Amino acid sequence: MTITLSKIIVWLVIGAVGGTLAGALVRWQREGFGWWSNLGIGLVGAVVGGIIFSLFNILPGLESISISLRDIVSAFIGSIIFLLALWAWQKQA
């Protein structure tokens, strides 16, 4: 897999959208956790969601270099999974 500037831009946009949606859902506030935290959560969520969607072959026809609903949904779901894991880890510590 070749990483290009267009892929990085797509990852940043998808990460920001997915993280903001997840932050708004978890915190019940429009701004979520704040710009940088939302972006970080979204980027981790995009990776987690992308791996899950690839492993289970969910919506395989939408894997182009563009911002699609599949990307946003997978970033959102991955962000929620990441936040749940972070919450569980903090509860245990």
PDB file of N, CA and C in Angstrom:
ATOM      1  N   MET A   1       0.845  -1.183   0.000  1.00  0.00           N
ATOM      2  CA  MET A   1       0.000   0.000   0.000  1.00  0.00           C
ATOM      3  C   MET A   1       0.884   1.238   0.000  1.00  0.00           C
ATOM      4  N   THR A   2       0.640   2.100  -0.945  1.00  0.00           N
ATOM      5  CA  THR A   2       1.388   3.340  -1.063  1.00  0.00           C
ATOM      6  C   THR A   2       0.607   4.454  -0.376  1.00  0.00           C
ATOM      7  N   ILE A   3       1.309   5.198   0.464  1.00  0.00           N
ATOM      8  CA  ILE A   3       0.666   6.318   1.152  1.00  0.00           C
ATOM      9  C   ILE A   3       0.977   7.587   0.369  1.00  0.00           C
ATOM     10  N   THR A   4      -0.077   8.245  -0.081  1.00  0.00           N
ATOM     11  CA  THR A   4       0.065   9.478  -0.847  1.00  0.00           C
ATOM     12  C   THR A   4      -0.516  10.642  -0.054  1.00  0.00           C
ATOM     13  N   LEU A   5      -0.250  11.833  -0.522  1.00  0.00           N
ATOM     14  CA  LEU A   5      -0.790  13.022   0.137  1.00  0.00           C
ATOM     15  C   LEU A   5      -2.312  13.005   0.126  1.00  0.00           C
ATOM     16  N   SER A   6      -2.916  12.532  -0.954  1.00  0.00           N
ATOM     17  CA  SER A   6      -4.379  12.486  -1.015  1.00  0.00           C
ATOM     18  C   SER A   6      -4.944  11.525   0.026  1.00  0.00           C
ATOM     19  N   LYS A   7      -4.272  10.406   0.264  1.00  0.00           N
ATOM     20  CA  LYS A   7      -4.730   9.470   1.295  1.00  0.00           C
ATOM     21  C   LYS A   7      -4.641  10.101   2.678  1.00  0.00           C
ATOM     22  N   ILE A   8      -3.560  10.811   2.941  1.00  0.00           N
ATOM     23  CA  ILE A   8      -3.391  11.459   4.250  1.00  0.00           C
ATOM     24  C   ILE A   8      -4.477  12.502   4.465  1.00  0.00           C
ATOM     25  N   ILE A   9      -4.789  13.276   3.442  1.00  0.00           N
ATOM     26  CA  ILE A   9      -5.850  14.290   3.557  1.00  0.00           C
ATOM     27  C   ILE A   9      -7.196  13.626   3.826  1.00  0.00           C
ATOM     28  N   VAL A  10      -7.478  12.541   3.110  1.00  0.00           N
ATOM     29  CA  VAL A  10      -8.731  11.813   3.332  1.00  0.00           C
ATOM     30  C   VAL A  10      -8.779  11.279   4.755  1.00  0.00           C
ATOM     31  N   TRP A  11      -7.673  10.710   5.246  1.00  0.00           N
ATOM     32  CA  TRP A  11      -7.635  10.194   6.617  1.00  0.00           C
ATOM     33  C   TRP A  11      -7.896  11.299   7.634  1.00  0.00           C
ATOM     34  N   LEU A  12      -7.315  12.487   7.412  1.00  0.00           N
ATOM     35  CA  LEU A  12      -7.533  13.596   8.342  1.00  0.00           C
ATOM     36  C   LEU A  12      -8.989  14.053   8.340  1.00  0.00           C
ATOM     37  N   VAL A  13      -9.570  14.165   7.164  1.00  0.00           N
ATOM     38  CA  VAL A  13     -10.976  14.596   7.077  1.00  0.00           C
ATOM     39  C   VAL A  13     -11.885  13.554   7.710  1.00  0.00           C
ATOM     40  N   ILE A  14     -11.694  12.299   7.343  1.00  0.00           N
ATOM     41  CA  ILE A  14     -12.516  11.218   7.902  1.00  0.00           C
ATOM     42  C   ILE A  14     -12.315  11.119   9.403  1.00  0.00           C
ATOM     43  N   GLY A  15     -11.073  11.237   9.851  1.00  0.00           N
ATOM     44  CA  GLY A  15     -10.799  11.196  11.292  1.00  0.00           C
ATOM     45  C   GLY A  15     -11.484  12.319  12.040  1.00  0.00           C
ATOM     46  N   ALA A  16     -11.449  13.514  11.474  1.00  0.00           N
ATOM     47  CA  ALA A  16     -12.102  14.651  12.129  1.00  0.00           C
ATOM     48  C   ALA A  16     -13.609  14.451  12.197  1.00  0.00           C
ATOM     49  N   VAL A  17     -14.206  13.984  11.116  1.00  0.00           N
ATOM     50  CA  VAL A  17     -15.659  13.769  11.105  1.00  0.00           C
ATOM     51  C   VAL A  17     -16.041  12.639  12.057  1.00  0.00           C
ATOM     52  N   GLY A  18     -15.364  11.497  11.951  1.00  0.00           N
ATOM     53  CA  GLY A  18     -15.677  10.354  12.807  1.00  0.00           C
ATOM     54  C   GLY A  18     -15.457  10.653  14.282  1.00  0.00           C
ATOM     55  N   GLY A  19     -14.360  11.313  14.605  1.00  0.00           N
ATOM     56  CA  GLY A  19     -14.076  11.667  15.995  1.00  0.00           C
ATOM     57  C   GLY A  19     -15.059  12.675  16.565  1.00  0.00           C
ATOM     58  N   THR A  20     -15.463  13.639  15.747  1.00  0.00           N
ATOM     59  CA  THR A  20     -16.442  14.628  16.198  1.00  0.00           C
ATOM     60  C   THR A  20     -17.796  13.973  16.457  1.00  0.00           C
ATOM     61  N   LEU A  21     -18.214  13.087  15.554  1.00  0.00           N
ATOM     62  CA  LEU A  21     -19.483  12.374  15.765  1.00  0.00           C
ATOM     63  C   LEU A  21     -19.428  11.514  17.029  1.00  0.00           C
ATOM     64  N   ALA A  22     -18.328  10.788  17.203  1.00  0.00           N
ATOM     65  CA  ALA A  22     -18.193   9.936  18.394  1.00  0.00           C
ATOM     66  C   ALA A  22     -18.118  10.775  19.664  1.00  0.00           C
ATOM     67  N   GLY A  23     -17.362  11.868  19.628  1.00  0.00           N
ATOM     68  CA  GLY A  23     -17.267  12.749  20.798  1.00  0.00           C
ATOM     69  C   GLY A  23     -18.604  13.365  21.159  1.00  0.00           C
ATOM     70  N   ALA A  24     -19.366  13.778  20.147  1.00  0.00           N
ATOM     71  CA  ALA A  24     -20.689  14.355  20.400  1.00  0.00           C
ATOM     72  C   ALA A  24     -21.631  13.308  20.985  1.00  0.00           C
ATOM     73  N   LEU A  25     -21.536  12.071  20.506  1.00  0.00           N
ATOM     74  CA  LEU A  25     -22.394  11.008  21.028  1.00  0.00           C
ATOM     75  C   LEU A  25     -22.035  10.666  22.471  1.00  0.00           C
ATOM     76  N   VAL A  26     -20.757  10.560  22.759  1.00  0.00           N
ATOM     77  CA  VAL A  26     -20.308  10.153  24.092  1.00  0.00           C
ATOM     78  C   VAL A  26     -20.510  11.265  25.119  1.00  0.00           C
ATOM     79  N   ARG A  27     -20.188  12.496  24.760  1.00  0.00           N
ATOM     80  CA  ARG A  27     -20.262  13.603  25.721  1.00  0.00           C
ATOM     81  C   ARG A  27     -21.589  14.336  25.697  1.00  0.00           C
ATOM     82  N   TRP A  28     -22.436  14.084  24.732  1.00  0.00           N
ATOM     83  CA  TRP A  28     -23.716  14.781  24.559  1.00  0.00           C
ATOM     84  C   TRP A  28     -23.522  16.283  24.449  1.00  0.00           C
ATOM     85  N   GLN A  29     -22.391  16.692  23.867  1.00  0.00           N
ATOM     86  CA  GLN A  29     -22.113  18.104  23.602  1.00  0.00           C
ATOM     87  C   GLN A  29     -21.697  18.234  22.153  1.00  0.00           C
ATOM     88  N   ARG A  30     -22.070  19.327  21.550  1.00  0.00           N
ATOM     89  CA  ARG A  30     -21.806  19.515  20.116  1.00  0.00           C
ATOM     90  C   ARG A  30     -20.318  19.471  19.780  1.00  0.00           C
ATOM     91  N   GLU A  31     -19.474  20.043  20.651  1.00  0.00           N
ATOM     92  CA  GLU A  31     -18.042  20.101  20.348  1.00  0.00           C
ATOM     93  C   GLU A  31     -17.286  18.829  20.714  1.00  0.00           C
ATOM     94  N   GLY A  32     -17.946  17.888  21.358  1.00  0.00           N
ATOM     95  CA  GLY A  32     -17.292  16.626  21.708  1.00  0.00           C
ATOM     96  C   GLY A  32     -16.176  16.840  22.710  1.00  0.00           C
ATOM     97  N   PHE A  33     -14.971  16.376  22.378  1.00  0.00           N
ATOM     98  CA  PHE A  33     -13.820  16.490  23.270  1.00  0.00           C
ATOM     99  C   PHE A  33     -12.908  17.653  22.914  1.00  0.00           C
ATOM    100  N   GLY A  34     -13.243  18.402  21.894  1.00  0.00           N
ATOM    101  CA  GLY A  34     -12.382  19.483  21.411  1.00  0.00           C
ATOM    102  C   GLY A  34     -11.737  19.079  20.097  1.00  0.00           C
ATOM    103  N   TRP A  35     -11.283  20.056  19.322  1.00  0.00           N
ATOM    104  CA  TRP A  35     -10.797  19.816  17.964  1.00  0.00           C
ATOM    105  C   TRP A  35      -9.689  18.770  17.899  1.00  0.00           C
ATOM    106  N   TRP A  36      -8.608  18.960  18.636  1.00  0.00           N
ATOM    107  CA  TRP A  36      -7.458  18.054  18.533  1.00  0.00           C
ATOM    108  C   TRP A  36      -7.757  16.669  19.085  1.00  0.00           C
ATOM    109  N   SER A  37      -8.485  16.613  20.182  1.00  0.00           N
ATOM    110  CA  SER A  37      -8.853  15.310  20.739  1.00  0.00           C
ATOM    111  C   SER A  37      -9.791  14.561  19.796  1.00  0.00           C
ATOM    112  N   ASN A  38     -10.767  15.264  19.234  1.00  0.00           N
ATOM    113  CA  ASN A  38     -11.673  14.637  18.257  1.00  0.00           C
ATOM    114  C   ASN A  38     -10.896  14.091  17.062  1.00  0.00           C
ATOM    115  N   LEU A  39      -9.921  14.863  16.592  1.00  0.00           N
ATOM    116  CA  LEU A  39      -9.124  14.423  15.454  1.00  0.00           C
ATOM    117  C   LEU A  39      -8.325  13.171  15.808  1.00  0.00           C
ATOM    118  N   GLY A  40      -7.691  13.163  16.980  1.00  0.00           N
ATOM    119  CA  GLY A  40      -6.931  11.986  17.412  1.00  0.00           C
ATOM    120  C   GLY A  40      -7.804  10.764  17.592  1.00  0.00           C
ATOM    121  N   ILE A  41      -8.939  10.949  18.243  1.00  0.00           N
ATOM    122  CA  ILE A  41      -9.886   9.848  18.428  1.00  0.00           C
ATOM    123  C   ILE A  41     -10.375   9.351  17.079  1.00  0.00           C
ATOM    124  N   GLY A  42     -10.668  10.269  16.188  1.00  0.00           N
ATOM    125  CA  GLY A  42     -11.151   9.899  14.862  1.00  0.00           C
ATOM    126  C   GLY A  42     -10.111   9.158  14.037  1.00  0.00           C
ATOM    127  N   LEU A  43      -8.844   9.568  14.132  1.00  0.00           N
ATOM    128  CA  LEU A  43      -7.795   8.879  13.384  1.00  0.00           C
ATOM    129  C   LEU A  43      -7.602   7.455  13.897  1.00  0.00           C
ATOM    130  N   VAL A  44      -7.574   7.301  15.216  1.00  0.00           N
ATOM    131  CA  VAL A  44      -7.487   5.949  15.779  1.00  0.00           C
ATOM    132  C   VAL A  44      -8.733   5.157  15.390  1.00  0.00           C
ATOM    133  N   GLY A  45      -9.887   5.800  15.475  1.00  0.00           N
ATOM    134  CA  GLY A  45     -11.138   5.140  15.107  1.00  0.00           C
ATOM    135  C   GLY A  45     -11.180   4.746  13.641  1.00  0.00           C
ATOM    136  N   ALA A  46     -10.615   5.596  12.771  1.00  0.00           N
ATOM    137  CA  ALA A  46     -10.585   5.267  11.344  1.00  0.00           C
ATOM    138  C   ALA A  46      -9.727   4.035  11.087  1.00  0.00           C
ATOM    139  N   VAL A  47      -8.617   3.922  11.803  1.00  0.00           N
ATOM    140  CA  VAL A  47      -7.765   2.740  11.655  1.00  0.00           C
ATOM    141  C   VAL A  47      -8.483   1.497  12.170  1.00  0.00           C
ATOM    142  N   VAL A  48      -9.045   1.601  13.391  1.00  0.00           N
ATOM    143  CA  VAL A  48      -9.758   0.455  13.985  1.00  0.00           C
ATOM    144  C   VAL A  48     -10.943   0.062  13.104  1.00  0.00           C
ATOM    145  N   GLY A  49     -11.745   1.038  12.710  1.00  0.00           N
ATOM    146  CA  GLY A  49     -12.908   0.754  11.875  1.00  0.00           C
ATOM    147  C   GLY A  49     -12.519   0.215  10.507  1.00  0.00           C
ATOM    148  N   GLY A  50     -11.455   0.771   9.920  1.00  0.00           N
ATOM    149  CA  GLY A  50     -10.993   0.285   8.626  1.00  0.00           C
ATOM    150  C   GLY A  50     -10.541  -1.161   8.685  1.00  0.00           C
ATOM    151  N   ILE A  51      -9.855  -1.524   9.761  1.00  0.00           N
ATOM    152  CA  ILE A  51      -9.420  -2.916   9.931  1.00  0.00           C
ATOM    153  C   ILE A  51     -10.626  -3.835  10.094  1.00  0.00           C
ATOM    154  N   ILE A  52     -11.578  -3.432  10.925  1.00  0.00           N
ATOM    155  CA  ILE A  52     -12.771  -4.248  11.158  1.00  0.00           C
ATOM    156  C   ILE A  52     -13.577  -4.410   9.868  1.00  0.00           C
ATOM    157  N   PHE A  53     -13.783  -3.304   9.145  1.00  0.00           N
ATOM    158  CA  PHE A  53     -14.554  -3.382   7.901  1.00  0.00           C
ATOM    159  C   PHE A  53     -13.836  -4.218   6.854  1.00  0.00           C
ATOM    160  N   SER A  54     -12.505  -4.174   6.829  1.00  0.00           N
ATOM    161  CA  SER A  54     -11.752  -5.002   5.883  1.00  0.00           C
ATOM    162  C   SER A  54     -11.793  -6.477   6.268  1.00  0.00           C
ATOM    163  N   LEU A  55     -11.627  -6.759   7.558  1.00  0.00           N
ATOM    164  CA  LEU A  55     -11.637  -8.151   8.026  1.00  0.00           C
ATOM    165  C   LEU A  55     -12.960  -8.845   7.737  1.00  0.00           C
ATOM    166  N   PHE A  56     -14.056  -8.149   7.959  1.00  0.00           N
ATOM    167  CA  PHE A  56     -15.375  -8.746   7.785  1.00  0.00           C
ATOM    168  C   PHE A  56     -15.984  -8.430   6.414  1.00  0.00           C
ATOM    169  N   ASN A  57     -15.195  -7.794   5.539  1.00  0.00           N
ATOM    170  CA  ASN A  57     -15.617  -7.492   4.177  1.00  0.00           C
ATOM    171  C   ASN A  57     -16.945  -6.725   4.128  1.00  0.00           C
ATOM    172  N   ILE A  58     -17.056  -5.714   4.978  1.00  0.00           N
ATOM    173  CA  ILE A  58     -18.262  -4.888   5.041  1.00  0.00           C
ATOM    174  C   ILE A  58     -18.158  -3.794   3.982  1.00  0.00           C
ATOM    175  N   LEU A  59     -19.127  -3.706   3.111  1.00  0.00           N
ATOM    176  CA  LEU A  59     -19.188  -2.715   2.026  1.00  0.00           C
ATOM    177  C   LEU A  59     -17.888  -2.664   1.221  1.00  0.00           C
ATOM    178  N   PRO A  60     -17.466  -3.773   0.624  1.00  0.00           N
ATOM    179  CA  PRO A  60     -16.166  -3.825  -0.046  1.00  0.00           C
ATOM    180  C   PRO A  60     -16.067  -2.982  -1.322  1.00  0.00           C
ATOM    181  N   GLY A  61     -17.156  -2.627  -1.930  1.00  0.00           N
ATOM    182  CA  GLY A  61     -17.101  -1.886  -3.180  1.00  0.00           C
ATOM    183  C   GLY A  61     -16.798  -0.409  -3.024  1.00  0.00           C
ATOM    184  N   LEU A  62     -16.655   0.068  -1.817  1.00  0.00           N
ATOM    185  CA  LEU A  62     -16.466   1.510  -1.590  1.00  0.00           C
ATOM    186  C   LEU A  62     -15.059   1.846  -1.101  1.00  0.00           C
ATOM    187  N   GLU A  63     -14.036   1.200  -1.654  1.00  0.00           N
ATOM    188  CA  GLU A  63     -12.673   1.384  -1.152  1.00  0.00           C
ATOM    189  C   GLU A  63     -11.813   2.283  -2.028  1.00  0.00           C
ATOM    190  N   SER A  64     -12.354   3.313  -2.594  1.00  0.00           N
ATOM    191  CA  SER A  64     -11.563   4.205  -3.433  1.00  0.00           C
ATOM    192  C   SER A  64     -10.995   5.348  -2.602  1.00  0.00           C
ATOM    193  N   ILE A  65     -10.151   6.161  -3.226  1.00  0.00           N
ATOM    194  CA  ILE A  65      -9.582   7.322  -2.552  1.00  0.00           C
ATOM    195  C   ILE A  65     -10.590   8.452  -2.629  1.00  0.00           C
ATOM    196  N   SER A  66     -11.584   8.379  -1.848  1.00  0.00           N
ATOM    197  CA  SER A  66     -12.581   9.433  -1.771  1.00  0.00           C
ATOM    198  C   SER A  66     -13.232   9.334  -0.399  1.00  0.00           C
ATOM    199  N   ILE A  67     -13.921  10.361  -0.047  1.00  0.00           N
ATOM    200  CA  ILE A  67     -14.617  10.356   1.241  1.00  0.00           C
ATOM    201  C   ILE A  67     -15.998   9.794   0.991  1.00  0.00           C
ATOM    202  N   SER A  68     -16.242   8.618   1.552  1.00  0.00           N
ATOM    203  CA  SER A  68     -17.518   7.958   1.338  1.00  0.00           C
ATOM    204  C   SER A  68     -18.216   7.732   2.677  1.00  0.00           C
ATOM    205  N   LEU A  69     -19.455   7.368   2.583  1.00  0.00           N
ATOM    206  CA  LEU A  69     -20.210   7.061   3.789  1.00  0.00           C
ATOM    207  C   LEU A  69     -19.590   5.889   4.529  1.00  0.00           C
ATOM    208  N   ARG A  70     -19.053   4.908   3.794  1.00  0.00           N
ATOM    209  CA  ARG A  70     -18.400   3.755   4.422  1.00  0.00           C
ATOM    210  C   ARG A  70     -17.243   4.217   5.303  1.00  0.00           C
ATOM    211  N   ASP A  71     -16.444   5.164   4.818  1.00  0.00           N
ATOM    212  CA  ASP A  71     -15.308   5.660   5.575  1.00  0.00           C
ATOM    213  C   ASP A  71     -15.760   6.355   6.858  1.00  0.00           C
ATOM    214  N   ILE A  72     -16.784   7.179   6.740  1.00  0.00           N
ATOM    215  CA  ILE A  72     -17.277   7.906   7.915  1.00  0.00           C
ATOM    216  C   ILE A  72     -17.881   6.949   8.927  1.00  0.00           C
ATOM    217  N   VAL A  73     -18.671   5.984   8.458  1.00  0.00           N
ATOM    218  CA  VAL A  73     -19.282   5.010   9.363  1.00  0.00           C
ATOM    219  C   VAL A  73     -18.210   4.160  10.043  1.00  0.00           C
ATOM    220  N   SER A  74     -17.210   3.704   9.291  1.00  0.00           N
ATOM    221  CA  SER A  74     -16.176   2.880   9.903  1.00  0.00           C
ATOM    222  C   SER A  74     -15.337   3.693  10.888  1.00  0.00           C
ATOM    223  N   ALA A  75     -15.051   4.967  10.583  1.00  0.00           N
ATOM    224  CA  ALA A  75     -14.314   5.820  11.516  1.00  0.00           C
ATOM    225  C   ALA A  75     -15.138   6.075  12.775  1.00  0.00           C
ATOM    226  N   PHE A  76     -16.435   6.284  12.615  1.00  0.00           N
ATOM    227  CA  PHE A  76     -17.308   6.510  13.758  1.00  0.00           C
ATOM    228  C   PHE A  76     -17.368   5.268  14.659  1.00  0.00           C
ATOM    229  N   ILE A  77     -17.585   4.102  14.049  1.00  0.00           N
ATOM    230  CA  ILE A  77     -17.665   2.866  14.831  1.00  0.00           C
ATOM    231  C   ILE A  77     -16.322   2.566  15.496  1.00  0.00           C
ATOM    232  N   GLY A  78     -15.251   2.746  14.746  1.00  0.00           N
ATOM    233  CA  GLY A  78     -13.927   2.546  15.329  1.00  0.00           C
ATOM    234  C   GLY A  78     -13.648   3.507  16.469  1.00  0.00           C
ATOM    235  N   SER A  79     -14.093   4.758  16.350  1.00  0.00           N
ATOM    236  CA  SER A  79     -13.912   5.743  17.419  1.00  0.00           C
ATOM    237  C   SER A  79     -14.689   5.348  18.666  1.00  0.00           C
ATOM    238  N   ILE A  80     -15.896   4.855  18.493  1.00  0.00           N
ATOM    239  CA  ILE A  80     -16.692   4.397  19.637  1.00  0.00           C
ATOM    240  C   ILE A  80     -16.003   3.213  20.313  1.00  0.00           C
ATOM    241  N   ILE A  81     -15.504   2.267  19.526  1.00  0.00           N
ATOM    242  CA  ILE A  81     -14.792   1.120  20.093  1.00  0.00           C
ATOM    243  C   ILE A  81     -13.553   1.587  20.843  1.00  0.00           C
ATOM    244  N   PHE A  82     -12.802   2.521  20.265  1.00  0.00           N
ATOM    245  CA  PHE A  82     -11.621   3.066  20.936  1.00  0.00           C
ATOM    246  C   PHE A  82     -11.995   3.757  22.242  1.00  0.00           C
ATOM    247  N   LEU A  83     -13.048   4.564  22.243  1.00  0.00           N
ATOM    248  CA  LEU A  83     -13.474   5.253  23.466  1.00  0.00           C
ATOM    249  C   LEU A  83     -13.944   4.264  24.531  1.00  0.00           C
ATOM    250  N   LEU A  84     -14.634   3.204  24.124  1.00  0.00           N
ATOM    251  CA  LEU A  84     -15.045   2.171  25.080  1.00  0.00           C
ATOM    252  C   LEU A  84     -13.834   1.463  25.683  1.00  0.00           C
ATOM    253  N   ALA A  85     -12.845   1.149  24.848  1.00  0.00           N
ATOM    254  CA  ALA A  85     -11.629   0.506  25.349  1.00  0.00           C
ATOM    255  C   ALA A  85     -10.870   1.436  26.292  1.00  0.00           C
ATOM    256  N   LEU A  86     -10.785   2.717  25.943  1.00  0.00           N
ATOM    257  CA  LEU A  86     -10.126   3.699  26.796  1.00  0.00           C
ATOM    258  C   LEU A  86     -10.858   3.843  28.124  1.00  0.00           C
ATOM    259  N   TRP A  87     -12.163   3.874  28.086  1.00  0.00           N
ATOM    260  CA  TRP A  87     -12.973   3.971  29.304  1.00  0.00           C
ATOM    261  C   TRP A  87     -12.748   2.745  30.200  1.00  0.00           C
ATOM    262  N   ALA A  88     -12.770   1.550  29.598  1.00  0.00           N
ATOM    263  CA  ALA A  88     -12.561   0.323  30.377  1.00  0.00           C
ATOM    264  C   ALA A  88     -11.174   0.282  30.974  1.00  0.00           C
ATOM    265  N   TRP A  89     -10.167   0.744  30.218  1.00  0.00           N
ATOM    266  CA  TRP A  89      -8.799   0.762  30.729  1.00  0.00           C
ATOM    267  C   TRP A  89      -8.663   1.728  31.893  1.00  0.00           C
ATOM    268  N   GLN A  90      -9.304   2.900  31.815  1.00  0.00           N
ATOM    269  CA  GLN A  90      -9.254   3.882  32.893  1.00  0.00           C
ATOM    270  C   GLN A  90     -10.011   3.392  34.125  1.00  0.00           C
ATOM    271  N   LYS A  91     -11.097   2.650  33.935  1.00  0.00           N
ATOM    272  CA  LYS A  91     -11.848   2.108  35.063  1.00  0.00           C
ATOM    273  C   LYS A  91     -11.027   1.076  35.813  1.00  0.00           C
ATOM    274  N   GLN A  92     -10.209   0.328  35.074  1.00  0.00           N
ATOM    275  CA  GLN A  92      -9.421  -0.733  35.684  1.00  0.00           C
ATOM    276  C   GLN A  92      -8.199  -0.178  36.406  1.00  0.00           C
ATOM    277  N   ALA A  93      -7.669   0.946  35.963  1.00  0.00           N
ATOM    278  CA  ALA A  93      -6.460   1.506  36.551  1.00  0.00           C
ATOM    279  C   ALA A  93      -6.732   2.241  37.827  1.00  0.00           C
TER     280      ALA A  93
END
